[in-house]
N, C-alpha and C. Protein backbone atom coordinates (compact mmCIF):
# COMPACT_ATOMS: atom_id res chain seq x y z
N UNK A 1 -9.40 -12.91 -19.95
CA UNK A 1 -10.36 -11.88 -20.28
C UNK A 1 -9.74 -10.55 -19.88
N UNK A 2 -9.75 -9.54 -20.80
CA UNK A 2 -9.13 -8.27 -20.43
C UNK A 2 -10.06 -7.48 -19.51
N UNK A 3 -9.50 -6.47 -18.85
CA UNK A 3 -10.26 -5.70 -17.86
C UNK A 3 -11.45 -5.00 -18.48
N UNK A 4 -11.31 -4.47 -19.70
CA UNK A 4 -12.40 -3.77 -20.34
C UNK A 4 -13.59 -4.70 -20.51
N UNK A 5 -13.34 -5.88 -21.02
CA UNK A 5 -14.42 -6.83 -21.28
C UNK A 5 -15.07 -7.28 -19.98
N UNK A 6 -14.26 -7.57 -18.96
CA UNK A 6 -14.84 -8.03 -17.71
C UNK A 6 -15.62 -6.92 -17.02
N UNK A 7 -15.22 -5.65 -17.16
CA UNK A 7 -15.96 -4.55 -16.58
C UNK A 7 -17.33 -4.45 -17.22
N UNK A 8 -17.40 -4.57 -18.54
CA UNK A 8 -18.69 -4.51 -19.24
C UNK A 8 -19.58 -5.66 -18.79
N UNK A 9 -19.03 -6.84 -18.68
CA UNK A 9 -19.84 -7.99 -18.29
C UNK A 9 -20.43 -7.83 -16.90
N UNK A 10 -19.69 -7.24 -15.99
CA UNK A 10 -20.13 -7.20 -14.61
C UNK A 10 -21.05 -6.04 -14.29
N UNK A 11 -20.89 -4.94 -14.98
CA UNK A 11 -21.59 -3.74 -14.55
C UNK A 11 -23.09 -3.90 -14.47
N UNK A 12 -23.66 -4.74 -15.28
CA UNK A 12 -25.09 -4.96 -15.17
C UNK A 12 -25.43 -6.06 -14.19
N UNK A 13 -24.44 -6.67 -13.61
CA UNK A 13 -24.65 -7.82 -12.72
C UNK A 13 -24.90 -7.36 -11.29
N UNK A 14 -25.24 -8.30 -10.45
CA UNK A 14 -25.44 -8.04 -9.04
C UNK A 14 -24.09 -7.71 -8.41
N UNK A 15 -24.08 -6.75 -7.51
CA UNK A 15 -22.85 -6.37 -6.83
C UNK A 15 -22.31 -7.53 -6.02
N UNK A 16 -20.99 -7.49 -5.81
CA UNK A 16 -20.30 -8.63 -5.21
C UNK A 16 -19.87 -8.40 -3.77
N UNK A 17 -20.38 -7.41 -3.08
CA UNK A 17 -20.00 -7.20 -1.69
C UNK A 17 -19.09 -6.01 -1.54
N UNK A 18 -18.60 -5.77 -0.35
CA UNK A 18 -17.70 -4.65 -0.11
C UNK A 18 -18.01 -4.00 1.22
N UNK A 19 -17.23 -2.96 1.54
CA UNK A 19 -17.41 -2.25 2.80
C UNK A 19 -18.68 -1.42 2.75
N UNK A 20 -19.14 -1.03 3.91
CA UNK A 20 -20.35 -0.22 4.00
C UNK A 20 -20.21 1.04 3.16
N UNK A 21 -21.20 1.31 2.30
CA UNK A 21 -21.16 2.50 1.45
C UNK A 21 -20.42 2.29 0.15
N UNK A 22 -19.72 1.19 -0.01
CA UNK A 22 -18.99 0.90 -1.22
C UNK A 22 -19.29 -0.52 -1.65
N UNK A 23 -19.74 -0.69 -2.88
CA UNK A 23 -20.04 -2.02 -3.38
C UNK A 23 -19.03 -2.36 -4.46
N UNK A 24 -18.25 -3.42 -4.26
CA UNK A 24 -17.26 -3.81 -5.24
C UNK A 24 -17.92 -4.53 -6.40
N UNK A 25 -17.47 -4.24 -7.61
CA UNK A 25 -17.95 -4.91 -8.80
C UNK A 25 -16.80 -5.68 -9.42
N UNK A 26 -17.07 -6.83 -10.01
CA UNK A 26 -16.02 -7.61 -10.67
C UNK A 26 -15.42 -6.75 -11.78
N UNK A 27 -14.17 -7.02 -12.11
CA UNK A 27 -13.50 -6.28 -13.17
C UNK A 27 -12.89 -4.98 -12.70
N UNK A 28 -12.89 -4.72 -11.40
CA UNK A 28 -12.21 -3.54 -10.88
C UNK A 28 -13.10 -2.34 -10.68
N UNK A 29 -14.41 -2.42 -10.96
CA UNK A 29 -15.29 -1.29 -10.76
C UNK A 29 -15.76 -1.21 -9.32
N UNK A 30 -16.10 -0.01 -8.87
CA UNK A 30 -16.67 0.17 -7.54
C UNK A 30 -17.82 1.16 -7.63
N UNK A 31 -18.77 1.03 -6.74
CA UNK A 31 -19.85 1.99 -6.61
C UNK A 31 -19.65 2.70 -5.29
N UNK A 32 -19.48 4.02 -5.33
CA UNK A 32 -19.14 4.77 -4.13
C UNK A 32 -19.53 6.23 -4.31
N UNK A 33 -19.58 6.96 -3.23
CA UNK A 33 -19.77 8.40 -3.28
C UNK A 33 -18.46 9.13 -2.97
N UNK A 34 -17.34 8.38 -2.91
CA UNK A 34 -16.07 8.94 -2.49
C UNK A 34 -15.11 9.29 -3.62
N UNK A 35 -15.56 9.39 -4.86
CA UNK A 35 -14.65 9.66 -5.97
C UNK A 35 -14.23 11.12 -6.04
N UNK A 36 -13.08 11.34 -6.64
CA UNK A 36 -12.59 12.70 -6.84
C UNK A 36 -11.25 12.67 -7.54
N UNK A 37 -10.73 13.85 -7.87
CA UNK A 37 -9.48 13.92 -8.62
C UNK A 37 -8.29 13.41 -7.81
N UNK A 38 -7.21 13.12 -8.52
CA UNK A 38 -5.99 12.71 -7.86
C UNK A 38 -5.13 11.85 -8.75
N UNK A 39 -3.99 11.47 -8.24
CA UNK A 39 -3.06 10.64 -8.98
C UNK A 39 -1.79 11.40 -9.32
N UNK A 40 -1.13 10.94 -10.35
CA UNK A 40 0.13 11.53 -10.81
C UNK A 40 0.23 11.24 -12.32
N UNK A 41 1.34 11.54 -12.98
CA UNK A 41 1.41 11.29 -14.43
C UNK A 41 1.30 9.82 -14.85
N UNK A 42 1.38 8.88 -13.91
CA UNK A 42 1.26 7.46 -14.25
C UNK A 42 -0.11 6.87 -13.94
N UNK A 43 -0.84 7.45 -12.98
CA UNK A 43 -2.15 6.92 -12.59
C UNK A 43 -3.14 8.06 -12.35
N UNK A 44 -4.42 7.76 -12.62
CA UNK A 44 -5.51 8.68 -12.29
C UNK A 44 -6.40 7.99 -11.26
N UNK A 45 -6.80 8.72 -10.22
CA UNK A 45 -7.70 8.16 -9.22
C UNK A 45 -9.03 7.80 -9.86
N UNK A 46 -9.60 6.68 -9.41
CA UNK A 46 -10.84 6.17 -10.00
C UNK A 46 -11.69 5.55 -8.90
N UNK A 47 -12.51 6.36 -8.24
CA UNK A 47 -13.26 5.86 -7.09
C UNK A 47 -12.29 5.47 -5.99
N UNK A 48 -12.29 4.20 -5.61
CA UNK A 48 -11.39 3.73 -4.55
C UNK A 48 -10.15 3.04 -5.11
N UNK A 49 -9.93 3.11 -6.43
CA UNK A 49 -8.74 2.51 -7.03
C UNK A 49 -8.06 3.52 -7.95
N UNK A 50 -7.10 3.06 -8.74
CA UNK A 50 -6.42 3.93 -9.72
C UNK A 50 -6.33 3.20 -11.05
N UNK A 51 -6.25 3.98 -12.13
CA UNK A 51 -6.10 3.44 -13.48
C UNK A 51 -4.74 3.89 -14.02
N UNK A 52 -4.07 3.01 -14.75
CA UNK A 52 -2.78 3.33 -15.35
C UNK A 52 -3.01 4.16 -16.61
N UNK A 53 -2.50 5.39 -16.60
CA UNK A 53 -2.65 6.26 -17.77
C UNK A 53 -1.32 6.34 -18.51
N UNK A 54 -1.32 6.45 -19.83
CA UNK A 54 -2.44 6.71 -20.73
C UNK A 54 -3.13 5.45 -21.28
N UNK A 55 -2.70 4.26 -20.90
CA UNK A 55 -3.29 3.03 -21.46
C UNK A 55 -4.73 2.82 -21.03
N UNK A 56 -5.11 3.35 -19.86
CA UNK A 56 -6.46 3.16 -19.34
C UNK A 56 -7.12 4.51 -19.07
N UNK A 57 -8.43 4.47 -18.98
CA UNK A 57 -9.21 5.63 -18.55
C UNK A 57 -10.07 5.21 -17.37
N UNK A 58 -10.42 6.17 -16.55
CA UNK A 58 -11.36 5.94 -15.46
C UNK A 58 -12.74 6.33 -15.96
N UNK A 59 -13.64 5.37 -15.99
CA UNK A 59 -15.02 5.65 -16.40
C UNK A 59 -15.84 5.99 -15.17
N UNK A 60 -16.51 7.13 -15.22
CA UNK A 60 -17.35 7.61 -14.12
C UNK A 60 -18.79 7.62 -14.62
N UNK A 61 -19.65 6.89 -13.92
CA UNK A 61 -21.06 6.77 -14.31
C UNK A 61 -21.95 7.28 -13.19
N UNK A 62 -22.97 8.06 -13.53
CA UNK A 62 -23.97 8.47 -12.55
C UNK A 62 -25.00 7.36 -12.45
N UNK A 63 -24.86 6.52 -11.43
CA UNK A 63 -25.77 5.40 -11.21
C UNK A 63 -26.51 5.60 -9.90
N UNK A 64 -27.52 4.81 -9.67
CA UNK A 64 -28.32 4.91 -8.47
C UNK A 64 -27.96 3.77 -7.53
N UNK A 65 -27.65 3.99 -6.29
CA UNK A 65 -27.80 5.21 -5.51
C UNK A 65 -26.51 6.03 -5.43
N UNK A 66 -25.42 5.56 -5.97
CA UNK A 66 -24.15 6.28 -5.90
C UNK A 66 -23.51 6.29 -7.29
N UNK A 67 -22.31 6.81 -7.38
CA UNK A 67 -21.56 6.86 -8.63
C UNK A 67 -20.79 5.56 -8.81
N UNK A 68 -20.63 5.10 -10.05
CA UNK A 68 -19.87 3.89 -10.34
C UNK A 68 -18.60 4.29 -11.09
N UNK A 69 -17.47 3.74 -10.67
CA UNK A 69 -16.16 4.02 -11.25
C UNK A 69 -15.53 2.71 -11.70
N UNK A 70 -14.80 2.73 -12.80
CA UNK A 70 -14.09 1.55 -13.24
C UNK A 70 -13.05 1.89 -14.29
N UNK A 71 -11.93 1.20 -14.26
CA UNK A 71 -10.87 1.37 -15.25
C UNK A 71 -11.21 0.57 -16.50
N UNK A 72 -10.95 1.15 -17.66
CA UNK A 72 -11.10 0.44 -18.92
C UNK A 72 -9.84 0.66 -19.76
N UNK A 73 -9.53 -0.30 -20.60
CA UNK A 73 -8.43 -0.13 -21.54
C UNK A 73 -8.91 0.83 -22.63
N UNK A 74 -8.08 1.81 -22.98
CA UNK A 74 -8.44 2.77 -24.02
C UNK A 74 -8.93 4.08 -23.43
N UNK A 75 -9.65 4.84 -24.26
CA UNK A 75 -10.03 6.20 -23.88
C UNK A 75 -11.53 6.45 -23.91
N UNK A 76 -12.35 5.41 -24.07
CA UNK A 76 -13.80 5.60 -24.08
C UNK A 76 -14.46 4.62 -23.11
N UNK A 77 -15.67 4.96 -22.70
CA UNK A 77 -16.41 4.15 -21.74
C UNK A 77 -17.60 3.47 -22.40
N UNK A 78 -17.99 2.32 -21.87
CA UNK A 78 -19.19 1.64 -22.37
C UNK A 78 -20.44 2.32 -21.81
N UNK A 79 -21.58 1.99 -22.38
CA UNK A 79 -22.86 2.41 -21.83
C UNK A 79 -23.20 1.44 -20.72
N UNK A 80 -23.73 1.94 -19.61
CA UNK A 80 -23.99 1.14 -18.42
C UNK A 80 -25.44 1.30 -18.00
N UNK A 81 -26.09 0.20 -17.65
CA UNK A 81 -27.44 0.25 -17.11
C UNK A 81 -27.37 0.69 -15.65
N UNK A 82 -28.45 1.19 -15.12
CA UNK A 82 -28.51 1.52 -13.70
C UNK A 82 -28.41 2.99 -13.40
N UNK A 83 -28.62 3.84 -14.41
CA UNK A 83 -28.59 5.27 -14.17
C UNK A 83 -29.85 5.75 -13.47
N UNK A 84 -29.97 7.06 -13.30
CA UNK A 84 -31.17 7.61 -12.67
C UNK A 84 -32.43 7.13 -13.39
N UNK A 85 -33.43 6.76 -12.63
CA UNK A 85 -34.70 6.26 -13.16
C UNK A 85 -34.53 5.01 -14.02
N UNK A 86 -33.46 4.25 -13.80
CA UNK A 86 -33.23 3.00 -14.52
C UNK A 86 -32.69 3.17 -15.93
N UNK A 87 -32.37 4.39 -16.33
CA UNK A 87 -31.89 4.65 -17.68
C UNK A 87 -30.45 4.16 -17.85
N UNK A 88 -30.06 3.90 -19.09
CA UNK A 88 -28.67 3.60 -19.40
C UNK A 88 -27.89 4.91 -19.40
N UNK A 89 -26.64 4.86 -18.97
CA UNK A 89 -25.81 6.06 -18.91
C UNK A 89 -24.49 5.84 -19.63
N UNK A 90 -24.03 6.90 -20.28
CA UNK A 90 -22.70 6.90 -20.91
C UNK A 90 -21.74 7.47 -19.89
N UNK A 91 -20.67 6.77 -19.60
CA UNK A 91 -19.70 7.25 -18.62
C UNK A 91 -18.83 8.36 -19.17
N UNK A 92 -18.28 9.14 -18.26
CA UNK A 92 -17.26 10.13 -18.59
C UNK A 92 -15.91 9.43 -18.48
N UNK A 93 -15.10 9.51 -19.54
CA UNK A 93 -13.81 8.82 -19.60
C UNK A 93 -12.69 9.77 -19.19
N UNK A 94 -12.13 9.54 -17.99
CA UNK A 94 -11.07 10.40 -17.48
C UNK A 94 -9.69 9.83 -17.78
N UNK A 95 -8.97 10.53 -18.65
CA UNK A 95 -7.56 10.23 -18.88
C UNK A 95 -6.70 11.05 -17.95
N UNK A 96 -7.32 12.03 -17.30
CA UNK A 96 -6.69 12.86 -16.28
C UNK A 96 -7.83 13.49 -15.48
N UNK A 97 -7.50 13.98 -14.28
CA UNK A 97 -8.53 14.63 -13.47
C UNK A 97 -8.05 15.98 -12.94
N UNK A 98 -6.82 16.35 -13.28
CA UNK A 98 -6.26 17.62 -12.86
C UNK A 98 -4.81 17.72 -13.29
N UNK A 99 -4.19 18.83 -12.94
CA UNK A 99 -2.81 19.12 -13.34
C UNK A 99 -1.82 18.06 -12.89
N UNK A 100 -2.08 17.37 -11.78
CA UNK A 100 -1.15 16.36 -11.26
C UNK A 100 -0.94 15.20 -12.23
N UNK A 101 -1.88 14.99 -13.14
CA UNK A 101 -1.78 13.88 -14.10
C UNK A 101 -1.04 14.27 -15.38
N UNK A 102 -0.75 15.54 -15.56
CA UNK A 102 -0.16 16.03 -16.82
C UNK A 102 1.30 16.44 -16.64
N UNK A 103 2.03 16.43 -17.74
CA UNK A 103 3.44 16.81 -17.72
C UNK A 103 3.71 17.83 -18.83
N UNK A 104 4.90 18.40 -18.82
CA UNK A 104 5.35 19.28 -19.90
C UNK A 104 4.53 20.54 -20.08
N UNK A 105 3.90 21.02 -19.02
CA UNK A 105 3.10 22.23 -19.12
C UNK A 105 1.69 22.01 -19.64
N UNK A 106 1.32 20.76 -19.94
CA UNK A 106 -0.05 20.48 -20.40
C UNK A 106 -1.03 20.66 -19.25
N UNK A 107 -2.29 20.89 -19.60
CA UNK A 107 -3.37 20.99 -18.63
C UNK A 107 -4.36 19.86 -18.90
N UNK A 108 -5.16 19.52 -17.91
CA UNK A 108 -6.16 18.47 -18.04
C UNK A 108 -7.45 19.09 -18.58
N UNK A 109 -7.81 18.71 -19.78
CA UNK A 109 -8.99 19.27 -20.45
C UNK A 109 -10.12 18.25 -20.48
N UNK A 110 -11.34 18.71 -20.22
CA UNK A 110 -12.53 17.87 -20.35
C UNK A 110 -13.33 18.46 -21.51
N UNK A 111 -13.82 17.58 -22.38
CA UNK A 111 -14.52 18.05 -23.58
C UNK A 111 -15.34 16.91 -24.16
N UNK A 112 -16.19 17.24 -25.10
CA UNK A 112 -16.97 16.22 -25.80
C UNK A 112 -16.21 15.84 -27.07
N UNK A 113 -15.93 14.54 -27.25
CA UNK A 113 -15.17 14.11 -28.42
C UNK A 113 -16.08 14.01 -29.66
N UNK A 114 -15.51 13.59 -30.78
CA UNK A 114 -16.27 13.49 -32.03
C UNK A 114 -17.44 12.51 -31.94
N UNK A 115 -17.37 11.55 -31.01
CA UNK A 115 -18.45 10.57 -30.82
C UNK A 115 -19.47 11.02 -29.78
N UNK A 116 -19.39 12.29 -29.37
CA UNK A 116 -20.32 12.87 -28.39
C UNK A 116 -20.18 12.27 -26.99
N UNK A 117 -18.99 11.75 -26.68
CA UNK A 117 -18.72 11.25 -25.33
C UNK A 117 -17.85 12.26 -24.61
N UNK A 118 -18.13 12.48 -23.33
CA UNK A 118 -17.29 13.37 -22.52
C UNK A 118 -16.04 12.60 -22.11
N UNK A 119 -14.88 13.21 -22.40
CA UNK A 119 -13.58 12.61 -22.10
C UNK A 119 -12.67 13.69 -21.52
N UNK A 120 -11.57 13.27 -20.92
CA UNK A 120 -10.54 14.23 -20.52
C UNK A 120 -9.19 13.72 -20.98
N UNK A 121 -8.30 14.68 -21.25
CA UNK A 121 -6.95 14.35 -21.72
C UNK A 121 -6.03 15.52 -21.42
N UNK A 122 -4.75 15.22 -21.24
CA UNK A 122 -3.74 16.26 -21.06
C UNK A 122 -3.44 16.87 -22.43
N UNK A 123 -3.55 18.18 -22.52
CA UNK A 123 -3.31 18.89 -23.78
C UNK A 123 -2.66 20.23 -23.49
N UNK A 124 -2.03 20.82 -24.51
CA UNK A 124 -1.40 22.13 -24.34
C UNK A 124 -2.45 23.19 -24.02
N UNK A 125 -3.58 23.15 -24.70
CA UNK A 125 -4.70 24.06 -24.44
C UNK A 125 -6.00 23.27 -24.61
N UNK A 126 -7.03 23.71 -23.93
CA UNK A 126 -8.32 23.02 -24.03
C UNK A 126 -9.06 23.47 -25.29
N UNK A 127 -9.76 22.53 -25.94
CA UNK A 127 -10.48 22.88 -27.16
C UNK A 127 -11.68 23.78 -26.88
N UNK A 128 -12.14 24.45 -27.92
CA UNK A 128 -13.35 25.28 -27.81
C UNK A 128 -14.48 24.41 -27.28
N UNK A 129 -15.24 24.94 -26.34
CA UNK A 129 -16.34 24.19 -25.75
C UNK A 129 -15.92 23.28 -24.61
N UNK A 130 -14.61 23.18 -24.36
CA UNK A 130 -14.09 22.35 -23.28
C UNK A 130 -13.79 23.19 -22.06
N UNK A 131 -13.25 22.55 -21.04
CA UNK A 131 -12.89 23.24 -19.80
C UNK A 131 -11.66 22.56 -19.21
N UNK A 132 -10.97 23.26 -18.34
CA UNK A 132 -9.80 22.70 -17.66
C UNK A 132 -10.23 22.10 -16.34
N UNK A 133 -9.97 20.78 -16.16
CA UNK A 133 -10.25 20.14 -14.87
C UNK A 133 -9.18 20.54 -13.86
N UNK A 134 -9.57 20.66 -12.62
CA UNK A 134 -8.64 21.05 -11.56
C UNK A 134 -9.00 20.29 -10.29
N UNK A 135 -8.09 20.32 -9.32
CA UNK A 135 -8.30 19.63 -8.05
C UNK A 135 -8.52 20.67 -6.96
N UNK A 136 -9.75 20.80 -6.47
CA UNK A 136 -10.02 21.83 -5.46
C UNK A 136 -9.35 21.56 -4.11
N UNK A 137 -8.82 20.35 -3.90
CA UNK A 137 -8.17 20.03 -2.63
C UNK A 137 -6.65 20.13 -2.71
N UNK A 138 -6.10 20.35 -3.91
CA UNK A 138 -4.65 20.42 -4.08
C UNK A 138 -4.11 21.76 -3.60
N UNK A 139 -2.85 21.77 -3.17
CA UNK A 139 -2.20 23.02 -2.75
C UNK A 139 -2.20 24.02 -3.90
N UNK A 140 -1.99 23.53 -5.12
CA UNK A 140 -2.08 24.34 -6.32
C UNK A 140 -3.08 23.65 -7.25
N UNK A 141 -4.22 24.28 -7.48
CA UNK A 141 -5.30 23.66 -8.26
C UNK A 141 -4.94 23.46 -9.73
N UNK A 142 -3.94 24.22 -10.21
CA UNK A 142 -3.56 24.15 -11.62
C UNK A 142 -4.24 25.20 -12.46
N UNK A 143 -5.10 26.02 -11.88
CA UNK A 143 -5.79 27.07 -12.63
C UNK A 143 -4.93 28.32 -12.75
N UNK A 144 -4.83 28.85 -13.95
CA UNK A 144 -4.15 30.12 -14.16
C UNK A 144 -4.99 31.22 -13.53
N UNK A 145 -4.36 32.33 -13.16
CA UNK A 145 -5.06 33.42 -12.48
C UNK A 145 -6.24 33.93 -13.31
N UNK A 146 -6.11 33.94 -14.62
CA UNK A 146 -7.19 34.47 -15.47
C UNK A 146 -8.25 33.42 -15.82
N UNK A 147 -8.08 32.19 -15.35
CA UNK A 147 -9.03 31.11 -15.67
C UNK A 147 -10.16 31.01 -14.64
N UNK A 148 -10.05 31.70 -13.54
CA UNK A 148 -11.06 31.62 -12.49
C UNK A 148 -10.69 30.56 -11.47
N UNK A 149 -11.31 30.65 -10.32
CA UNK A 149 -11.04 29.72 -9.23
C UNK A 149 -11.52 28.31 -9.57
N UNK A 150 -10.88 27.32 -8.98
CA UNK A 150 -11.27 25.92 -9.15
C UNK A 150 -12.61 25.72 -8.45
N UNK A 151 -13.63 25.33 -9.21
CA UNK A 151 -14.98 25.27 -8.66
C UNK A 151 -15.74 24.07 -9.21
N UNK A 152 -16.59 23.47 -8.37
CA UNK A 152 -17.42 22.35 -8.81
C UNK A 152 -18.77 22.83 -9.36
N UNK A 153 -18.97 24.15 -9.45
CA UNK A 153 -20.19 24.67 -10.08
C UNK A 153 -20.26 24.13 -11.51
N UNK A 154 -21.38 23.65 -11.92
CA UNK A 154 -21.62 23.13 -13.28
C UNK A 154 -20.89 21.83 -13.60
N UNK A 155 -20.23 21.18 -12.63
CA UNK A 155 -19.47 19.96 -12.92
C UNK A 155 -20.38 18.84 -13.41
N UNK A 156 -21.63 18.85 -13.01
CA UNK A 156 -22.55 17.81 -13.48
C UNK A 156 -22.77 17.88 -14.99
N UNK A 157 -22.52 19.04 -15.61
CA UNK A 157 -22.60 19.16 -17.07
C UNK A 157 -21.65 18.18 -17.75
N UNK A 158 -20.56 17.85 -17.06
CA UNK A 158 -19.53 16.96 -17.62
C UNK A 158 -19.75 15.51 -17.15
N UNK A 159 -20.84 15.23 -16.47
CA UNK A 159 -21.11 13.87 -16.00
C UNK A 159 -20.25 13.46 -14.84
N UNK A 160 -19.85 14.44 -14.01
CA UNK A 160 -18.97 14.17 -12.87
C UNK A 160 -19.61 14.65 -11.57
N UNK A 161 -19.30 13.97 -10.45
CA UNK A 161 -19.83 14.40 -9.16
C UNK A 161 -19.07 15.59 -8.59
N UNK A 162 -19.57 16.15 -7.51
CA UNK A 162 -19.04 17.38 -6.90
C UNK A 162 -17.58 17.32 -6.45
N UNK A 163 -16.97 16.16 -6.27
CA UNK A 163 -15.57 16.11 -5.88
C UNK A 163 -14.64 16.62 -6.97
N UNK A 164 -15.12 16.66 -8.22
CA UNK A 164 -14.34 17.15 -9.36
C UNK A 164 -14.67 18.62 -9.57
N UNK A 165 -13.82 19.33 -10.33
CA UNK A 165 -14.03 20.76 -10.55
C UNK A 165 -13.35 21.20 -11.84
N UNK A 166 -13.77 22.38 -12.32
CA UNK A 166 -13.13 23.01 -13.46
C UNK A 166 -12.67 24.41 -13.06
N UNK A 167 -11.69 24.92 -13.76
CA UNK A 167 -11.24 26.29 -13.54
C UNK A 167 -12.36 27.23 -13.95
N UNK A 168 -12.81 28.06 -13.04
CA UNK A 168 -13.90 28.98 -13.32
C UNK A 168 -15.26 28.35 -13.24
N UNK A 169 -15.36 27.08 -12.86
CA UNK A 169 -16.66 26.42 -12.78
C UNK A 169 -17.35 26.29 -14.13
N UNK A 170 -16.56 26.15 -15.19
CA UNK A 170 -17.10 26.11 -16.55
C UNK A 170 -17.83 24.79 -16.80
N UNK A 171 -19.04 24.88 -17.34
CA UNK A 171 -19.82 23.72 -17.73
C UNK A 171 -19.77 23.55 -19.24
N UNK A 172 -20.49 22.54 -19.72
CA UNK A 172 -20.48 22.29 -21.18
C UNK A 172 -21.54 23.11 -21.87
């Protein structure tokens, strides 16, 4: 069974244990409040684990009582039960989370794709309506001087928790 399929099967299931504050889910997903940007051009941080990019994406879901993270094959996330007030939630698919994941002068852009899902990818420039993801804890956030400071203001517009940020605090 591939990781994508097993992640979908488990996410609605009962959690399988884990350390205090973190509940491990089968298929590589975790529920935690400790997610944030990181990685390098080969991997993107995904909660308490990493996903191999570009073959995988890190799906970030706003679930109750914490955020759920999981690697999936491809660039889109499944819909997951367990969101606020019991609603189903569409995850944000991270192919990158900041400049550390990109090469060749590309920047990490977050935007809504043609299917209305929030995704991120390394690109030369961010599309209209998108924003540049940055790492507020990195020595160099990756933001150009004219893009504004790396800020988590409005990050929830992109379906991401406060550990993530955009240059200038740009929302959707």
